[in-house]
N, C-alpha and C. Protein backbone atom coordinates (compact mmCIF):
# COMPACT_ATOMS: atom_id res chain seq x y z
N MET A 1 15.55 -13.21 -20.21
CA MET A 1 14.93 -12.90 -19.42
C MET A 1 15.73 -11.88 -17.87
N ASN A 2 16.92 -12.76 -18.09
CA ASN A 2 17.96 -12.71 -16.90
C ASN A 2 18.41 -11.55 -16.85
N HIS A 3 19.26 -11.18 -18.17
CA HIS A 3 20.09 -9.51 -18.68
C HIS A 3 18.64 -8.61 -18.06
N THR A 4 17.75 -7.85 -17.77
CA THR A 4 16.29 -7.45 -17.97
C THR A 4 16.01 -7.44 -16.64
N THR A 5 15.60 -8.75 -15.64
CA THR A 5 15.51 -8.85 -14.33
C THR A 5 16.67 -8.27 -13.30
N SER A 6 17.79 -9.02 -13.93
CA SER A 6 19.21 -8.83 -12.92
C SER A 6 19.63 -7.39 -12.33
N PRO A 7 19.84 -6.68 -13.84
CA PRO A 7 20.52 -5.15 -13.56
C PRO A 7 19.06 -4.33 -12.73
N THR A 8 17.27 -4.48 -12.61
CA THR A 8 16.63 -4.05 -12.17
C THR A 8 16.60 -4.14 -10.53
N ILE A 9 16.60 -5.60 -10.35
CA ILE A 9 16.94 -6.15 -9.14
C ILE A 9 17.94 -5.51 -8.32
N LEU A 10 19.60 -5.04 -9.12
CA LEU A 10 20.89 -4.50 -8.40
C LEU A 10 20.42 -3.11 -8.53
N ILE A 11 19.55 -2.56 -9.15
CA ILE A 11 18.76 -1.32 -8.72
C ILE A 11 17.92 -0.86 -7.77
N THR A 12 17.45 -1.89 -7.37
CA THR A 12 16.23 -1.69 -6.33
C THR A 12 17.60 -2.10 -5.39
N GLY A 13 17.87 -2.99 -5.05
CA GLY A 13 19.39 -3.19 -3.94
C GLY A 13 19.81 -1.96 -3.81
N ALA A 14 20.05 -1.42 -4.16
CA ALA A 14 21.16 -0.18 -4.66
C ALA A 14 20.79 1.16 -4.10
N SER A 15 19.39 1.40 -4.24
CA SER A 15 18.39 2.51 -4.14
C SER A 15 18.07 1.65 -2.58
N ARG A 16 17.99 0.71 -2.12
CA ARG A 16 17.06 0.82 -0.60
C ARG A 16 18.25 0.96 -0.12
N ARG A 17 19.37 0.74 -0.09
CA ARG A 17 20.71 1.07 1.03
C ARG A 17 20.74 2.31 0.95
N ARG A 18 20.85 2.99 -0.50
CA ARG A 18 20.94 4.54 0.12
C ARG A 18 19.95 4.89 0.56
N GLY A 19 18.66 4.55 0.48
CA GLY A 19 17.59 5.55 1.20
C GLY A 19 17.62 5.16 2.55
N ARG A 20 18.37 3.51 3.24
CA ARG A 20 18.28 3.53 4.79
C ARG A 20 19.65 4.61 5.13
N ALA A 21 20.76 4.34 4.21
CA ALA A 21 21.58 5.86 4.51
C ALA A 21 21.38 7.43 3.98
N LEU A 22 20.59 7.35 3.61
CA LEU A 22 19.85 9.02 4.12
C LEU A 22 19.17 9.45 5.27
N THR A 23 17.86 7.97 5.52
CA THR A 23 16.84 8.23 6.48
C THR A 23 17.66 8.57 7.73
N ARG A 24 18.99 7.52 7.73
CA ARG A 24 19.77 7.83 8.99
C ARG A 24 20.51 8.96 9.10
N GLU A 25 21.02 9.43 8.07
CA GLU A 25 21.83 10.84 8.02
C GLU A 25 20.83 11.73 8.09
N LEU A 26 19.28 11.80 8.27
CA LEU A 26 18.53 13.07 8.41
C LEU A 26 18.32 12.59 9.66
N ALA A 27 18.13 11.72 10.54
CA ALA A 27 17.21 11.44 11.76
C ALA A 27 18.79 12.04 12.43
N GLN A 28 20.01 11.58 12.11
CA GLN A 28 21.38 12.64 12.73
C GLN A 28 21.05 13.96 12.28
N THR A 29 20.88 14.41 11.85
CA THR A 29 21.05 15.99 11.56
C THR A 29 19.57 16.46 12.21
N ARG A 30 18.80 15.96 12.08
CA ARG A 30 17.78 16.27 13.05
C ARG A 30 17.78 16.53 14.66
N VAL A 31 18.28 15.18 15.28
CA VAL A 31 18.44 14.78 16.45
C VAL A 31 19.34 16.52 16.90
N ASP A 32 20.48 17.17 15.98
CA ASP A 32 21.47 17.93 16.43
C ASP A 32 21.05 18.88 15.95
N ALA A 33 20.07 19.13 15.16
CA ALA A 33 19.43 20.16 15.06
C ALA A 33 18.61 21.07 16.37
N HIS A 34 18.21 19.70 16.68
CA HIS A 34 17.17 20.04 18.28
C HIS A 34 18.10 19.96 18.85
N HIS A 35 19.33 19.49 19.58
CA HIS A 35 19.98 19.64 20.07
C HIS A 35 20.56 21.37 20.32
């Protein structure tokens, strides 16, 4: 069970971090475009 649950948790954590970074980049690009 641990082998199947641990990798999924790691993937979800990485996806969340990537999602936050992407949202920040998109927000910055939008601000730059408006300016």
